[in-house]
Amino acid sequence: MIVLLDTDVLLDVALDRAPHGEASAELLDALERRPGRAYVAWHTIANLSYLLLPRRGRTGMRAFVEDLIAFVEVSPTTTESLRHATRLAMRDFEDAMQVAAAVACRADVIATRNVRDYASSPIRAVTPKALLPQLT
């Protein structure tokens, strides 16, 4: 199973946000044991770094990203991927970009806490807690 990780899942781990951080950390641990099965969108890393910088500082933010990309790949998106995102009937354009990245890496699922925002996504969205049993 190929999983695209939404930004909120990564933030839950990086900032240890209760009550979601534990399930998200377990998901990352499970994916780390399955190299080549986890992806992020390119813009996720930019958003993540912007949001982590005030809380973790430059060194902490970069260390988190480096640890993450040791087992998570960046989805191979293109200009056509962005065009695809503009055509999706989704309210939040950033979520549409996540879907386009998921399509580009042939993800089976998008791991997110915001499942409701992906109701019209052509790729199924699942919470980390619900996804974990499917990976074991």
N, C-alpha and C. Protein backbone atom coordinates (compact mmCIF):
# COMPACT_ATOMS: atom_id res chain seq x y z
N MET A 1 0.84 -1.18 0.00
CA MET A 1 0.00 0.00 0.00
C MET A 1 0.89 1.24 0.00
N ILE A 2 0.62 2.14 -0.91
CA ILE A 2 1.36 3.40 -0.99
C ILE A 2 0.53 4.49 -0.30
N VAL A 3 1.19 5.25 0.56
CA VAL A 3 0.52 6.26 1.39
C VAL A 3 1.11 7.63 1.12
N LEU A 4 0.24 8.60 0.85
CA LEU A 4 0.67 10.00 0.81
C LEU A 4 0.32 10.61 2.17
N LEU A 5 1.29 11.21 2.81
CA LEU A 5 1.11 11.81 4.13
C LEU A 5 0.73 13.28 4.00
N ASP A 6 -0.42 13.64 4.57
CA ASP A 6 -0.85 15.04 4.59
C ASP A 6 -0.04 15.79 5.65
N THR A 7 0.05 17.08 5.50
CA THR A 7 0.84 17.92 6.39
C THR A 7 0.41 17.77 7.85
N ASP A 8 -0.90 17.66 8.11
CA ASP A 8 -1.37 17.61 9.49
C ASP A 8 -0.81 16.40 10.25
N VAL A 9 -0.63 15.29 9.56
CA VAL A 9 -0.07 14.09 10.19
C VAL A 9 1.36 14.36 10.64
N LEU A 10 2.12 15.01 9.79
CA LEU A 10 3.52 15.31 10.12
C LEU A 10 3.62 16.34 11.23
N LEU A 11 2.75 17.32 11.21
CA LEU A 11 2.75 18.32 12.28
C LEU A 11 2.39 17.70 13.62
N ASP A 12 1.46 16.75 13.61
CA ASP A 12 1.09 16.08 14.86
C ASP A 12 2.29 15.40 15.50
N VAL A 13 3.15 14.81 14.67
CA VAL A 13 4.34 14.15 15.18
C VAL A 13 5.39 15.18 15.59
N ALA A 14 5.69 16.10 14.71
CA ALA A 14 6.76 17.07 14.96
C ALA A 14 6.48 17.95 16.17
N LEU A 15 5.21 18.25 16.41
CA LEU A 15 4.85 19.13 17.53
C LEU A 15 4.22 18.36 18.68
N ASP A 16 4.19 17.03 18.57
CA ASP A 16 3.63 16.16 19.60
C ASP A 16 2.25 16.66 20.04
N ARG A 17 1.38 16.85 19.04
CA ARG A 17 0.04 17.39 19.30
C ARG A 17 -0.90 16.29 19.79
N ALA A 18 -1.33 16.45 21.03
CA ALA A 18 -2.28 15.51 21.61
C ALA A 18 -3.68 15.87 21.12
N PRO A 19 -4.52 14.92 20.93
CA PRO A 19 -4.33 13.47 21.13
C PRO A 19 -3.91 12.76 19.86
N HIS A 20 -3.53 13.47 18.82
CA HIS A 20 -3.29 12.86 17.51
C HIS A 20 -1.85 12.41 17.28
N GLY A 21 -0.92 12.96 18.02
CA GLY A 21 0.49 12.67 17.79
C GLY A 21 0.86 11.21 17.89
N GLU A 22 0.26 10.52 18.84
CA GLU A 22 0.63 9.11 19.06
C GLU A 22 0.30 8.24 17.84
N ALA A 23 -0.92 8.33 17.33
CA ALA A 23 -1.30 7.51 16.17
C ALA A 23 -0.48 7.91 14.94
N SER A 24 -0.23 9.20 14.78
CA SER A 24 0.56 9.65 13.63
C SER A 24 2.00 9.15 13.74
N ALA A 25 2.57 9.16 14.94
CA ALA A 25 3.93 8.64 15.14
C ALA A 25 3.98 7.14 14.87
N GLU A 26 2.96 6.41 15.30
CA GLU A 26 2.90 4.97 15.02
C GLU A 26 2.81 4.71 13.52
N LEU A 27 2.07 5.55 12.83
CA LEU A 27 1.97 5.41 11.38
C LEU A 27 3.33 5.63 10.72
N LEU A 28 4.03 6.69 11.12
CA LEU A 28 5.35 6.94 10.55
C LEU A 28 6.31 5.79 10.86
N ASP A 29 6.23 5.25 12.08
CA ASP A 29 7.08 4.11 12.43
C ASP A 29 6.79 2.91 11.52
N ALA A 30 5.51 2.64 11.29
CA ALA A 30 5.13 1.52 10.42
C ALA A 30 5.62 1.75 8.99
N LEU A 31 5.51 2.98 8.52
CA LEU A 31 5.95 3.28 7.16
C LEU A 31 7.47 3.25 7.04
N GLU A 32 8.16 3.60 8.10
CA GLU A 32 9.63 3.55 8.07
C GLU A 32 10.12 2.12 7.85
N ARG A 33 9.35 1.15 8.32
CA ARG A 33 9.71 -0.25 8.13
C ARG A 33 9.35 -0.76 6.73
N ARG A 34 8.72 0.11 5.92
CA ARG A 34 8.32 -0.25 4.56
C ARG A 34 8.86 0.79 3.58
N PRO A 35 10.15 0.79 3.32
CA PRO A 35 10.73 1.80 2.42
C PRO A 35 10.03 1.81 1.06
N GLY A 36 9.89 3.02 0.53
CA GLY A 36 9.29 3.19 -0.78
C GLY A 36 7.77 3.17 -0.78
N ARG A 37 7.15 3.16 0.39
CA ARG A 37 5.69 3.10 0.49
C ARG A 37 5.08 4.41 0.97
N ALA A 38 5.89 5.37 1.35
CA ALA A 38 5.37 6.63 1.89
C ALA A 38 5.89 7.81 1.06
N TYR A 39 4.97 8.74 0.81
CA TYR A 39 5.28 9.94 0.02
C TYR A 39 4.70 11.17 0.69
N VAL A 40 5.27 12.31 0.32
CA VAL A 40 4.72 13.62 0.66
C VAL A 40 4.72 14.46 -0.60
N ALA A 41 3.88 15.46 -0.61
CA ALA A 41 3.91 16.45 -1.68
C ALA A 41 5.06 17.41 -1.42
N TRP A 42 5.64 17.91 -2.50
CA TRP A 42 6.74 18.87 -2.39
C TRP A 42 6.34 20.06 -1.52
N HIS A 43 5.15 20.58 -1.73
CA HIS A 43 4.72 21.76 -0.97
C HIS A 43 4.48 21.44 0.50
N THR A 44 4.28 20.18 0.84
CA THR A 44 4.12 19.79 2.25
C THR A 44 5.37 20.14 3.03
N ILE A 45 6.53 19.90 2.45
CA ILE A 45 7.78 20.18 3.16
C ILE A 45 7.94 21.69 3.38
N ALA A 46 7.56 22.49 2.40
CA ALA A 46 7.63 23.95 2.57
C ALA A 46 6.67 24.40 3.67
N ASN A 47 5.43 23.90 3.63
CA ASN A 47 4.46 24.26 4.66
C ASN A 47 4.91 23.80 6.04
N LEU A 48 5.41 22.58 6.09
CA LEU A 48 5.88 22.01 7.35
C LEU A 48 7.02 22.84 7.94
N SER A 49 7.98 23.19 7.11
CA SER A 49 9.12 23.96 7.62
C SER A 49 8.68 25.33 8.12
N TYR A 50 7.78 25.96 7.42
CA TYR A 50 7.27 27.27 7.84
C TYR A 50 6.58 27.18 9.20
N LEU A 51 5.81 26.12 9.42
CA LEU A 51 5.07 25.97 10.67
C LEU A 51 5.93 25.44 11.81
N LEU A 52 6.99 24.71 11.50
CA LEU A 52 7.87 24.18 12.55
C LEU A 52 8.91 25.18 13.02
N LEU A 53 9.33 26.04 12.15
CA LEU A 53 10.43 26.97 12.46
C LEU A 53 10.22 27.72 13.78
N PRO A 54 9.05 28.32 14.04
CA PRO A 54 8.89 29.05 15.29
C PRO A 54 8.95 28.16 16.54
N ARG A 55 8.56 26.91 16.42
CA ARG A 55 8.49 26.02 17.59
C ARG A 55 9.75 25.18 17.79
N ARG A 56 10.41 24.81 16.70
CA ARG A 56 11.57 23.91 16.81
C ARG A 56 12.88 24.57 16.42
N GLY A 57 12.80 25.79 15.87
CA GLY A 57 14.00 26.47 15.42
C GLY A 57 14.52 25.86 14.13
N ARG A 58 15.47 26.55 13.51
CA ARG A 58 16.00 26.12 12.22
C ARG A 58 16.64 24.73 12.32
N THR A 59 17.43 24.50 13.34
CA THR A 59 18.11 23.21 13.48
C THR A 59 17.11 22.08 13.70
N GLY A 60 16.15 22.29 14.59
CA GLY A 60 15.15 21.27 14.88
C GLY A 60 14.26 20.98 13.69
N MET A 61 13.90 22.04 12.97
CA MET A 61 13.06 21.88 11.79
C MET A 61 13.80 21.06 10.73
N ARG A 62 15.04 21.42 10.46
CA ARG A 62 15.82 20.71 9.43
C ARG A 62 16.09 19.27 9.84
N ALA A 63 16.32 19.04 11.12
CA ALA A 63 16.55 17.67 11.60
C ALA A 63 15.30 16.82 11.39
N PHE A 64 14.13 17.39 11.66
CA PHE A 64 12.89 16.63 11.44
C PHE A 64 12.73 16.29 9.96
N VAL A 65 12.96 17.25 9.09
CA VAL A 65 12.82 17.01 7.65
C VAL A 65 13.84 15.96 7.19
N GLU A 66 15.08 16.07 7.65
CA GLU A 66 16.10 15.09 7.26
C GLU A 66 15.73 13.68 7.72
N ASP A 67 15.23 13.56 8.95
CA ASP A 67 14.80 12.25 9.45
C ASP A 67 13.65 11.72 8.61
N LEU A 68 12.74 12.60 8.25
CA LEU A 68 11.56 12.20 7.47
C LEU A 68 11.96 11.68 6.09
N ILE A 69 12.80 12.42 5.40
CA ILE A 69 13.13 12.03 4.02
C ILE A 69 14.13 10.87 3.96
N ALA A 70 14.50 10.34 5.11
CA ALA A 70 15.29 9.11 5.13
C ALA A 70 14.44 7.92 4.69
N PHE A 71 13.11 8.03 4.83
CA PHE A 71 12.23 6.92 4.44
C PHE A 71 10.97 7.36 3.69
N VAL A 72 10.77 8.65 3.54
CA VAL A 72 9.62 9.17 2.81
C VAL A 72 10.12 9.84 1.53
N GLU A 73 9.49 9.52 0.42
CA GLU A 73 9.85 10.10 -0.87
C GLU A 73 8.96 11.31 -1.16
N VAL A 74 9.45 12.19 -2.01
CA VAL A 74 8.65 13.32 -2.48
C VAL A 74 7.95 12.87 -3.76
N SER A 75 6.65 13.08 -3.81
CA SER A 75 5.87 12.68 -4.98
C SER A 75 6.39 13.40 -6.23
N PRO A 76 6.53 12.66 -7.33
CA PRO A 76 7.07 13.25 -8.56
C PRO A 76 6.02 14.04 -9.35
N THR A 77 5.68 15.19 -8.85
CA THR A 77 4.66 16.01 -9.50
C THR A 77 5.25 16.88 -10.60
N THR A 78 4.35 17.35 -11.47
CA THR A 78 4.74 18.16 -12.62
C THR A 78 3.75 19.31 -12.77
N THR A 79 3.96 20.09 -13.79
CA THR A 79 3.00 21.15 -14.11
C THR A 79 1.63 20.54 -14.39
N GLU A 80 1.60 19.40 -15.05
CA GLU A 80 0.33 18.73 -15.32
C GLU A 80 -0.37 18.32 -14.02
N SER A 81 0.41 17.97 -13.01
CA SER A 81 -0.18 17.65 -11.70
C SER A 81 -0.90 18.87 -11.13
N LEU A 82 -0.28 20.02 -11.28
CA LEU A 82 -0.91 21.25 -10.81
C LEU A 82 -2.17 21.55 -11.60
N ARG A 83 -2.13 21.33 -12.91
CA ARG A 83 -3.34 21.51 -13.72
C ARG A 83 -4.46 20.58 -13.23
N HIS A 84 -4.07 19.34 -12.91
CA HIS A 84 -5.04 18.38 -12.39
C HIS A 84 -5.68 18.91 -11.11
N ALA A 85 -4.86 19.47 -10.22
CA ALA A 85 -5.38 20.03 -8.96
C ALA A 85 -6.40 21.14 -9.22
N THR A 86 -6.15 21.96 -10.24
CA THR A 86 -7.09 23.05 -10.53
C THR A 86 -8.43 22.54 -11.03
N ARG A 87 -8.45 21.34 -11.56
CA ARG A 87 -9.70 20.77 -12.09
C ARG A 87 -10.49 19.97 -11.05
N LEU A 88 -9.89 19.70 -9.92
CA LEU A 88 -10.59 18.93 -8.89
C LEU A 88 -11.66 19.79 -8.21
N ALA A 89 -12.79 19.19 -7.95
CA ALA A 89 -13.90 19.90 -7.29
C ALA A 89 -13.73 19.82 -5.78
N MET A 90 -12.69 20.49 -5.30
CA MET A 90 -12.42 20.51 -3.86
C MET A 90 -12.40 21.95 -3.40
N ARG A 91 -12.92 22.17 -2.22
CA ARG A 91 -13.02 23.52 -1.68
C ARG A 91 -11.65 24.12 -1.37
N ASP A 92 -10.76 23.32 -0.81
CA ASP A 92 -9.44 23.79 -0.39
C ASP A 92 -8.42 23.41 -1.47
N PHE A 93 -7.80 24.41 -2.08
CA PHE A 93 -6.85 24.14 -3.16
C PHE A 93 -5.62 23.39 -2.67
N GLU A 94 -5.19 23.65 -1.46
CA GLU A 94 -4.04 22.92 -0.93
C GLU A 94 -4.36 21.43 -0.83
N ASP A 95 -5.58 21.09 -0.44
CA ASP A 95 -5.99 19.68 -0.41
C ASP A 95 -6.02 19.10 -1.82
N ALA A 96 -6.45 19.89 -2.79
CA ALA A 96 -6.45 19.44 -4.18
C ALA A 96 -5.02 19.17 -4.65
N MET A 97 -4.08 19.98 -4.20
CA MET A 97 -2.67 19.74 -4.53
C MET A 97 -2.17 18.44 -3.88
N GLN A 98 -2.65 18.16 -2.69
CA GLN A 98 -2.29 16.90 -2.03
C GLN A 98 -2.81 15.72 -2.87
N VAL A 99 -4.04 15.84 -3.34
CA VAL A 99 -4.63 14.78 -4.16
C VAL A 99 -3.83 14.60 -5.45
N ALA A 100 -3.47 15.69 -6.09
CA ALA A 100 -2.68 15.60 -7.32
C ALA A 100 -1.34 14.92 -7.05
N ALA A 101 -0.73 15.21 -5.91
CA ALA A 101 0.52 14.55 -5.55
C ALA A 101 0.29 13.07 -5.29
N ALA A 102 -0.84 12.73 -4.68
CA ALA A 102 -1.17 11.33 -4.44
C ALA A 102 -1.36 10.58 -5.75
N VAL A 103 -2.00 11.23 -6.71
CA VAL A 103 -2.19 10.62 -8.03
C VAL A 103 -0.82 10.40 -8.68
N ALA A 104 0.05 11.39 -8.58
CA ALA A 104 1.36 11.32 -9.22
C ALA A 104 2.23 10.18 -8.69
N CYS A 105 2.10 9.87 -7.41
CA CYS A 105 2.91 8.79 -6.84
C CYS A 105 2.16 7.47 -6.79
N ARG A 106 0.95 7.49 -7.35
CA ARG A 106 0.09 6.29 -7.39
C ARG A 106 -0.26 5.79 -5.99
N ALA A 107 -0.54 6.75 -5.11
CA ALA A 107 -0.92 6.39 -3.74
C ALA A 107 -2.27 5.68 -3.72
N ASP A 108 -2.37 4.75 -2.81
CA ASP A 108 -3.64 4.05 -2.58
C ASP A 108 -4.51 4.82 -1.60
N VAL A 109 -3.86 5.63 -0.77
CA VAL A 109 -4.57 6.31 0.31
C VAL A 109 -3.82 7.58 0.69
N ILE A 110 -4.58 8.55 1.21
CA ILE A 110 -4.01 9.77 1.78
C ILE A 110 -4.23 9.69 3.28
N ALA A 111 -3.15 9.75 4.04
CA ALA A 111 -3.25 9.74 5.50
C ALA A 111 -3.43 11.18 5.97
N THR A 112 -4.56 11.43 6.62
CA THR A 112 -4.90 12.78 7.08
C THR A 112 -5.88 12.71 8.23
N ARG A 113 -5.88 13.73 9.04
CA ARG A 113 -6.94 13.84 10.06
C ARG A 113 -8.18 14.51 9.47
N ASN A 114 -8.03 15.17 8.35
CA ASN A 114 -9.12 15.94 7.75
C ASN A 114 -9.82 15.13 6.65
N VAL A 115 -10.27 13.95 7.00
CA VAL A 115 -10.91 13.06 6.04
C VAL A 115 -12.09 13.75 5.36
N ARG A 116 -12.84 14.50 6.08
CA ARG A 116 -14.02 15.19 5.54
C ARG A 116 -13.66 16.12 4.39
N ASP A 117 -12.50 16.76 4.46
CA ASP A 117 -12.08 17.68 3.40
C ASP A 117 -11.75 16.95 2.09
N TYR A 118 -11.59 15.64 2.16
CA TYR A 118 -11.24 14.84 0.99
C TYR A 118 -12.42 14.02 0.48
N ALA A 119 -13.62 14.41 0.84
CA ALA A 119 -14.82 13.65 0.46
C ALA A 119 -14.94 13.48 -1.06
N SER A 120 -14.53 14.48 -1.82
CA SER A 120 -14.65 14.38 -3.28
C SER A 120 -13.34 13.93 -3.95
N SER A 121 -12.40 13.50 -3.16
CA SER A 121 -11.12 13.05 -3.70
C SER A 121 -11.26 11.71 -4.41
N PRO A 122 -10.57 11.55 -5.54
CA PRO A 122 -10.58 10.24 -6.20
C PRO A 122 -9.72 9.21 -5.47
N ILE A 123 -8.94 9.67 -4.49
CA ILE A 123 -8.13 8.77 -3.68
C ILE A 123 -8.66 8.82 -2.25
N ARG A 124 -8.86 7.65 -1.70
CA ARG A 124 -9.43 7.51 -0.36
C ARG A 124 -8.55 8.19 0.69
N ALA A 125 -9.19 8.90 1.61
CA ALA A 125 -8.50 9.53 2.73
C ALA A 125 -8.86 8.79 4.01
N VAL A 126 -7.85 8.53 4.85
CA VAL A 126 -8.03 7.75 6.06
C VAL A 126 -7.21 8.39 7.18
N THR A 127 -7.73 8.34 8.39
CA THR A 127 -6.97 8.85 9.53
C THR A 127 -5.81 7.90 9.83
N PRO A 128 -4.76 8.40 10.45
CA PRO A 128 -3.65 7.52 10.83
C PRO A 128 -4.11 6.34 11.69
N LYS A 129 -4.97 6.62 12.64
CA LYS A 129 -5.46 5.56 13.54
C LYS A 129 -6.19 4.46 12.75
N ALA A 130 -7.01 4.84 11.80
CA ALA A 130 -7.75 3.86 10.99
C ALA A 130 -6.83 3.14 10.00
N LEU A 131 -5.77 3.79 9.58
CA LEU A 131 -4.86 3.20 8.60
C LEU A 131 -3.91 2.17 9.20
N LEU A 132 -3.54 2.36 10.45
CA LEU A 132 -2.56 1.48 11.08
C LEU A 132 -2.88 -0.01 10.96
N PRO A 133 -4.09 -0.47 11.27
CA PRO A 133 -4.37 -1.91 11.14
C PRO A 133 -4.23 -2.43 9.70
N GLN A 134 -4.39 -1.57 8.74
CA GLN A 134 -4.27 -1.98 7.35
C GLN A 134 -2.81 -2.19 6.94
N LEU A 135 -1.88 -1.67 7.72
CA LEU A 135 -0.46 -1.78 7.42
C LEU A 135 0.22 -2.92 8.15
N THR A 136 -0.46 -3.49 9.13
CA THR A 136 0.19 -4.55 9.92
C THR A 136 -0.20 -5.92 9.45
